[in-house]
C-alpha atoms as a PDB file:
ATOM      1  CA  MET A   1       0.827  -0.435  -0.385  1.00  0.00           C
ATOM      2  CA  SER A   2       1.409   3.376  -0.801  1.00  0.00           C
ATOM      3  CA  LYS A   3       3.001   5.765   1.644  1.00  0.00           C
ATOM      4  CA  ILE A   4       0.410   8.458   0.334  1.00  0.00           C
ATOM      5  CA  TRP A   5      -2.140   7.289   2.094  1.00  0.00           C
ATOM      6  CA  ASN A   6      -0.668   8.735   5.411  1.00  0.00           C
ATOM      7  CA  TYR A   7      -1.511  12.522   3.878  1.00  0.00           C
ATOM      8  CA  PHE A   8      -5.205  11.231   2.226  1.00  0.00           C
ATOM      9  CA  THR A   9      -8.338   9.975   2.802  1.00  0.00           C
ATOM     10  CA  LEU A  10     -10.402   7.886   1.142  1.00  0.00           C
ATOM     11  CA  SER A  11     -14.164   8.001   0.930  1.00  0.00           C
ATOM     12  CA  GLY A  12     -16.130   5.801  -1.597  1.00  0.00           C
ATOM     13  CA  ARG A  13     -14.780   7.176  -4.651  1.00  0.00           C
ATOM     14  CA  ILE A  14     -13.407  10.470  -3.330  1.00  0.00           C
ATOM     15  CA  ALA A  15      -9.256  11.265  -1.558  1.00  0.00           C
ATOM     16  CA  PHE A  16      -9.345  14.100   0.299  1.00  0.00           C
ATOM     17  CA  CYS A  17      -6.433  15.557   1.533  1.00  0.00           C
ATOM     18  CA  LYS A  18      -5.143  15.645   5.346  1.00  0.00           C
ATOM     19  CA  GLU A  19      -3.655  19.177   4.810  1.00  0.00           C
ATOM     20  CA  CYS A  20      -6.176  21.236   3.045  1.00  0.00           C
ATOM     21  CA  ASP A  21      -9.545  21.085   1.134  1.00  0.00           C
ATOM     22  CA  TYR A  22      -8.612  19.401  -1.945  1.00  0.00           C
ATOM     23  CA  LYS A  23     -10.525  16.463  -3.103  1.00  0.00           C
ATOM     24  CA  LYS A  24      -9.999  14.306  -6.142  1.00  0.00           C
ATOM     25  CA  ASP A  25     -12.090  11.439  -7.831  1.00  0.00           C
ATOM     26  CA  PHE A  26     -10.174   8.365  -6.959  1.00  0.00           C
ATOM     27  CA  PRO A  27     -12.182   5.297  -8.815  1.00  0.00           C
ATOM     28  CA  PRO A  28     -10.812   1.660  -7.809  1.00  0.00           C
ATOM     29  CA  ARG A  29      -6.926   0.726  -9.106  1.00  0.00           C
ATOM     30  CA  ALA A  30      -5.919   4.511 -10.017  1.00  0.00           C
ATOM     31  CA  PRO A  31      -2.299   5.918  -9.626  1.00  0.00           C
ATOM     32  CA  THR A  32      -1.708   7.894  -6.759  1.00  0.00           C
ATOM     33  CA  THR A  33       0.592   9.910  -9.103  1.00  0.00           C
ATOM     34  CA  THR A  34      -2.034  12.617  -9.416  1.00  0.00           C
ATOM     35  CA  LEU A  35      -2.580  12.605  -5.237  1.00  0.00           C
ATOM     36  CA  ALA A  36       1.959  13.116  -5.112  1.00  0.00           C
ATOM     37  CA  THR A  37       1.604  15.955  -7.216  1.00  0.00           C
ATOM     38  CA  HIS A  38      -0.528  17.515  -5.537  1.00  0.00           C
ATOM     39  CA  LEU A  39       0.759  16.978  -1.985  1.00  0.00           C
ATOM     40  CA  LYS A  40       4.801  17.919  -4.028  1.00  0.00           C
ATOM     41  CA  SER A  41       3.125  21.471  -5.438  1.00  0.00           C
ATOM     42  CA  LYS A  42       1.045  22.230  -2.219  1.00  0.00           C
ATOM     43  CA  HIS A  43       2.418  20.530   0.721  1.00  0.00           C
ATOM     44  CA  PRO A  44       6.646  20.484   0.016  1.00  0.00           C
ATOM     45  CA  GLU A  45       7.645  19.596   3.152  1.00  0.00           C
ATOM     46  CA  GLN A  46       4.769  16.612   3.505  1.00  0.00           C
ATOM     47  CA  HIS A  47       5.862  15.268  -0.017  1.00  0.00           C
ATOM     48  CA  LYS A  48       9.810  15.381   0.968  1.00  0.00           C
ATOM     49  CA  GLN A  49       7.910  13.106   4.222  1.00  0.00           C
ATOM     50  CA  PHE A  50       6.303  10.749   1.636  1.00  0.00           C
ATOM     51  CA  LEU A  51       9.079  10.534  -0.532  1.00  0.00           C
ATOM     52  CA  ASP A  52      11.798   9.741   2.691  1.00  0.00           C
ATOM     53  CA  GLN A  53       8.795   7.132   3.850  1.00  0.00           C
ATOM     54  CA  SER A  54       8.702   5.771  -0.154  1.00  0.00           C
ATOM     55  CA  THR A  55      12.186   5.223  -0.026  1.00  0.00           C
ATOM     56  CA  GLU A  56      12.586   3.427   3.499  1.00  0.00           C
ATOM     57  CA  VAL A  57      10.127   0.803   2.151  1.00  0.00           C
ATOM     58  CA  LYS A  58      11.905   0.456  -0.995  1.00  0.00           C
ATOM     59  CA  GLU A  59      15.500   0.052   0.365  1.00  0.00           C
ATOM     60  CA  LYS A  60      14.176  -2.424   3.359  1.00  0.00           C
ATOM     61  CA  SER A  61      12.271  -4.739   0.007  1.00  0.00           C
ATOM     62  CA  ASN A  62      15.594  -4.536  -1.607  1.00  0.00           C
ATOM     63  CA  LYS A  63      17.752  -6.141   1.166  1.00  0.00           C
ATOM     64  CA  GLU A  64      14.814  -8.471   2.297  1.00  0.00           C
ATOM     65  CA  LYS A  65      15.383  -9.792  -1.829  1.00  0.00           C
ATOM     66  CA  GLU A  66      18.799  -9.765  -1.761  1.00  0.00           C
ATOM     67  CA  LYS A  67      18.652 -11.567   1.709  1.00  0.00           C
ATOM     68  CA  GLN A  68      16.439 -14.093   0.183  1.00  0.00           C
ATOM     69  CA  MET A  69      18.790 -14.157  -2.994  1.00  0.00           C
ATOM     70  CA  THR A  70      21.956 -15.190  -0.291  1.00  0.00           C
ATOM     71  CA  LEU A  71      20.480 -18.148   0.897  1.00  0.00           C
ATOM     72  CA  LYS A  72      22.078 -21.735   0.549  1.00  0.00           C
ATOM     73  CA  ARG A  73      21.006 -24.637   0.343  1.00  0.00           C
ATOM     74  CA  THR A  74      22.530 -26.929   1.789  1.00  0.00           C
END
């Protein structure tokens, strides 16, 4: 699940920004790019936090993959 949801809430098909009155129609399986763009342009500090959180998740995932690849069968 995307870390973008730390900054938005979803009610039905509408995504609401937790920082302002922005709302966006958000159908099922829609990409979160528009929400991230809103965060970047209107709330740069929160966008930086979002990027930091996303990077941490990716790094953790990569470490897990690397760990799995280095396991040896005995």
